[in-house]
């Protein structure tokens, strides 16, 4: 049971790690963009120095397990699978 739960948790972490984040730059409001900080100092009236994190749609993930239940899988191999 503990081996199965460890593997399930590891698989879940792998699948959840595939999140891609992206930013929209040169916005009028949002988080101050550190790369354009010099623009704020030189021209304080410039309002295109912010960035906003873009909402990304995450793809659904489907996992299929194919378990060989033939005689060659008796014993430890079938319990691991």
N, C-alpha and C. Protein backbone atom coordinates (compact mmCIF):
# COMPACT_ATOMS: atom_id res chain seq x y z
N UNK A 1 0.83 -1.19 0.00
CA UNK A 1 0.00 0.00 0.00
C UNK A 1 0.88 1.26 0.00
N UNK A 2 1.93 1.27 0.79
CA UNK A 2 2.75 2.48 0.86
C UNK A 2 3.51 2.71 -0.44
N UNK A 3 3.93 1.63 -1.11
CA UNK A 3 4.63 1.77 -2.38
C UNK A 3 3.69 2.36 -3.43
N UNK A 4 2.43 1.89 -3.44
CA UNK A 4 1.46 2.38 -4.39
C UNK A 4 1.16 3.86 -4.14
N UNK A 5 1.00 4.25 -2.89
CA UNK A 5 0.71 5.65 -2.59
C UNK A 5 1.90 6.56 -2.92
N UNK A 6 3.12 6.08 -2.70
CA UNK A 6 4.30 6.87 -3.07
C UNK A 6 4.36 7.09 -4.57
N UNK A 7 4.11 6.01 -5.34
CA UNK A 7 4.13 6.12 -6.79
C UNK A 7 3.00 7.02 -7.30
N UNK A 8 1.84 6.92 -6.67
CA UNK A 8 0.71 7.77 -7.08
C UNK A 8 1.01 9.23 -6.81
N UNK A 9 1.60 9.52 -5.66
CA UNK A 9 1.95 10.91 -5.34
C UNK A 9 3.03 11.43 -6.28
N UNK A 10 4.01 10.61 -6.61
CA UNK A 10 5.06 11.02 -7.54
C UNK A 10 4.49 11.32 -8.92
N UNK A 11 3.57 10.46 -9.39
CA UNK A 11 2.93 10.68 -10.68
C UNK A 11 2.10 11.95 -10.67
N UNK A 12 1.39 12.19 -9.59
CA UNK A 12 0.57 13.39 -9.49
C UNK A 12 1.43 14.65 -9.52
N UNK A 13 2.57 14.64 -8.83
CA UNK A 13 3.48 15.80 -8.85
C UNK A 13 4.04 16.03 -10.24
N UNK A 14 4.38 14.94 -10.95
CA UNK A 14 4.90 15.08 -12.32
C UNK A 14 3.86 15.70 -13.23
N UNK A 15 2.62 15.26 -13.11
CA UNK A 15 1.58 15.77 -13.99
C UNK A 15 1.21 17.21 -13.66
N UNK A 16 1.28 17.57 -12.40
CA UNK A 16 0.92 18.93 -12.00
C UNK A 16 2.03 19.93 -12.31
N UNK A 17 3.23 19.46 -12.54
CA UNK A 17 4.35 20.36 -12.77
C UNK A 17 4.36 20.94 -14.17
N UNK A 18 3.44 20.55 -15.02
CA UNK A 18 3.45 20.98 -16.41
C UNK A 18 2.64 22.26 -16.61
N UNK A 19 2.70 23.17 -15.68
CA UNK A 19 1.98 24.42 -15.80
C UNK A 19 2.90 25.47 -16.39
N UNK A 20 2.48 26.07 -17.48
CA UNK A 20 3.26 27.12 -18.12
C UNK A 20 2.66 28.46 -17.77
N UNK A 21 3.50 29.34 -17.27
CA UNK A 21 3.03 30.68 -16.92
C UNK A 21 3.53 31.65 -17.97
N UNK A 22 2.73 32.65 -18.24
CA UNK A 22 3.15 33.64 -19.22
C UNK A 22 2.73 35.03 -18.74
N UNK A 23 3.38 36.03 -19.27
CA UNK A 23 3.16 37.41 -18.85
C UNK A 23 2.79 38.26 -20.04
N UNK A 24 1.94 39.22 -19.83
CA UNK A 24 1.66 40.28 -20.79
C UNK A 24 2.40 41.52 -20.32
N UNK A 25 3.32 42.00 -21.16
CA UNK A 25 4.14 43.15 -20.79
C UNK A 25 3.56 44.43 -21.37
N UNK A 26 4.12 45.57 -20.96
CA UNK A 26 3.72 46.91 -21.41
C UNK A 26 2.25 47.19 -21.14
N UNK A 27 1.84 46.92 -19.91
CA UNK A 27 0.47 47.18 -19.50
C UNK A 27 0.40 48.49 -18.73
N UNK A 28 -0.80 49.03 -18.61
CA UNK A 28 -0.99 50.30 -17.90
C UNK A 28 -1.13 50.10 -16.41
N UNK A 29 -1.46 48.88 -15.98
CA UNK A 29 -1.54 48.58 -14.54
C UNK A 29 -1.18 47.12 -14.33
N UNK A 30 -0.87 46.78 -13.11
CA UNK A 30 -0.46 45.42 -12.77
C UNK A 30 0.77 45.46 -11.88
N UNK A 31 1.64 44.47 -12.03
CA UNK A 31 2.89 44.43 -11.27
C UNK A 31 3.95 45.24 -12.00
N UNK A 32 4.75 45.97 -11.24
CA UNK A 32 5.81 46.76 -11.84
C UNK A 32 6.84 45.83 -12.45
N UNK A 33 7.16 46.06 -13.72
CA UNK A 33 8.12 45.24 -14.44
C UNK A 33 9.52 45.74 -14.14
N UNK A 34 10.32 44.93 -13.46
CA UNK A 34 11.66 45.34 -13.04
C UNK A 34 12.58 45.59 -14.24
N UNK A 35 12.33 44.92 -15.35
CA UNK A 35 13.16 45.12 -16.54
C UNK A 35 12.94 46.50 -17.15
N UNK A 36 11.82 47.10 -16.88
CA UNK A 36 11.52 48.42 -17.43
C UNK A 36 11.55 49.50 -16.36
N UNK A 37 12.25 49.25 -15.29
CA UNK A 37 12.33 50.20 -14.18
C UNK A 37 13.05 51.48 -14.60
N UNK A 38 14.03 51.38 -15.47
CA UNK A 38 14.74 52.57 -15.95
C UNK A 38 13.78 53.50 -16.70
N UNK A 39 12.81 52.92 -17.39
CA UNK A 39 11.82 53.74 -18.11
C UNK A 39 11.01 54.60 -17.15
N UNK A 40 10.71 54.06 -15.96
CA UNK A 40 9.94 54.80 -14.96
C UNK A 40 10.77 55.98 -14.44
N UNK A 41 12.06 55.78 -14.25
CA UNK A 41 12.93 56.83 -13.72
C UNK A 41 13.14 57.93 -14.76
N UNK A 42 13.38 57.53 -16.00
CA UNK A 42 13.65 58.50 -17.06
C UNK A 42 12.39 59.26 -17.44
N UNK A 43 11.30 58.54 -17.57
CA UNK A 43 10.04 59.15 -18.01
C UNK A 43 8.92 58.71 -17.07
N UNK A 44 8.72 59.42 -15.95
CA UNK A 44 7.70 59.02 -14.98
C UNK A 44 6.28 59.02 -15.54
N UNK A 45 6.04 59.78 -16.58
CA UNK A 45 4.71 59.82 -17.18
C UNK A 45 4.38 58.60 -18.01
N UNK A 46 5.38 57.81 -18.33
CA UNK A 46 5.16 56.61 -19.13
C UNK A 46 4.42 55.58 -18.29
N UNK A 47 3.27 55.17 -18.78
CA UNK A 47 2.44 54.25 -17.99
C UNK A 47 2.52 52.81 -18.47
N UNK A 48 3.40 52.50 -19.41
CA UNK A 48 3.49 51.15 -19.94
C UNK A 48 4.66 50.39 -19.32
N UNK A 49 4.74 50.39 -18.01
CA UNK A 49 5.85 49.74 -17.32
C UNK A 49 5.39 48.63 -16.39
N UNK A 50 4.25 48.06 -16.67
CA UNK A 50 3.70 47.03 -15.80
C UNK A 50 3.53 45.73 -16.57
N UNK A 51 3.35 44.68 -15.81
CA UNK A 51 3.11 43.37 -16.42
C UNK A 51 1.98 42.67 -15.66
N UNK A 52 1.26 41.81 -16.37
CA UNK A 52 0.15 41.06 -15.79
C UNK A 52 0.33 39.60 -16.17
N UNK A 53 0.14 38.72 -15.19
CA UNK A 53 0.24 37.29 -15.48
C UNK A 53 -0.99 36.85 -16.27
N UNK A 54 -0.75 36.17 -17.37
CA UNK A 54 -1.83 35.72 -18.25
C UNK A 54 -2.42 34.42 -17.72
N UNK A 55 -3.73 34.34 -17.75
CA UNK A 55 -4.40 33.09 -17.38
C UNK A 55 -4.16 32.08 -18.49
N UNK A 56 -3.65 30.93 -18.12
CA UNK A 56 -3.38 29.89 -19.12
C UNK A 56 -4.32 28.72 -18.88
N UNK A 57 -4.78 28.16 -19.96
CA UNK A 57 -5.62 26.97 -19.87
C UNK A 57 -4.72 25.75 -19.78
N UNK A 58 -4.93 24.95 -18.79
CA UNK A 58 -4.13 23.75 -18.61
C UNK A 58 -4.79 22.59 -19.33
N UNK A 59 -3.96 21.82 -19.99
CA UNK A 59 -4.48 20.67 -20.72
C UNK A 59 -4.86 19.56 -19.74
N UNK A 60 -5.94 18.87 -20.07
CA UNK A 60 -6.30 17.70 -19.28
C UNK A 60 -5.31 16.59 -19.58
N UNK A 61 -5.04 15.77 -18.59
CA UNK A 61 -4.10 14.67 -18.75
C UNK A 61 -4.83 13.36 -18.52
N UNK A 62 -4.61 12.43 -19.41
CA UNK A 62 -5.21 11.11 -19.29
C UNK A 62 -4.08 10.10 -19.10
N UNK A 63 -4.22 9.26 -18.11
CA UNK A 63 -3.23 8.23 -17.83
C UNK A 63 -3.89 6.87 -18.02
N UNK A 64 -3.26 6.03 -18.81
CA UNK A 64 -3.76 4.68 -19.04
C UNK A 64 -2.73 3.68 -18.54
N UNK A 65 -3.19 2.72 -17.78
CA UNK A 65 -2.31 1.66 -17.28
C UNK A 65 -2.68 0.35 -17.97
N UNK A 66 -1.70 -0.28 -18.57
CA UNK A 66 -1.89 -1.58 -19.19
C UNK A 66 -1.12 -2.59 -18.35
N UNK A 67 -1.84 -3.49 -17.72
CA UNK A 67 -1.21 -4.47 -16.83
C UNK A 67 -1.30 -5.85 -17.48
N UNK A 68 -0.15 -6.46 -17.65
CA UNK A 68 -0.08 -7.80 -18.22
C UNK A 68 -0.42 -8.80 -17.12
N UNK A 69 -1.54 -9.46 -17.23
CA UNK A 69 -1.99 -10.38 -16.21
C UNK A 69 -1.76 -11.83 -16.64
N UNK A 70 -0.76 -12.04 -17.46
CA UNK A 70 -0.46 -13.39 -17.92
C UNK A 70 0.36 -14.12 -16.86
N UNK A 71 0.66 -15.35 -17.12
CA UNK A 71 1.41 -16.15 -16.16
C UNK A 71 2.82 -15.65 -15.92
N UNK A 72 3.38 -14.91 -16.86
CA UNK A 72 4.75 -14.42 -16.69
C UNK A 72 4.84 -13.31 -15.64
N UNK A 73 3.70 -12.80 -15.21
CA UNK A 73 3.70 -11.70 -14.25
C UNK A 73 3.39 -12.17 -12.83
N UNK A 74 3.49 -13.45 -12.54
CA UNK A 74 3.17 -13.96 -11.21
C UNK A 74 4.16 -13.48 -10.18
N UNK A 75 3.66 -13.35 -8.96
CA UNK A 75 4.55 -13.00 -7.84
C UNK A 75 4.79 -11.51 -7.71
N UNK A 76 6.03 -11.17 -7.51
CA UNK A 76 6.41 -9.78 -7.24
C UNK A 76 6.13 -8.83 -8.41
N UNK A 77 6.37 -9.23 -9.67
CA UNK A 77 6.11 -8.28 -10.76
C UNK A 77 4.66 -7.78 -10.82
N UNK A 78 3.67 -8.66 -10.58
CA UNK A 78 2.29 -8.21 -10.65
C UNK A 78 1.94 -7.34 -9.46
N UNK A 79 2.54 -7.59 -8.30
CA UNK A 79 2.25 -6.73 -7.14
C UNK A 79 2.88 -5.35 -7.32
N UNK A 80 4.02 -5.29 -7.98
CA UNK A 80 4.62 -3.97 -8.27
C UNK A 80 3.77 -3.22 -9.29
N UNK A 81 3.30 -3.94 -10.32
CA UNK A 81 2.47 -3.29 -11.35
C UNK A 81 1.17 -2.80 -10.75
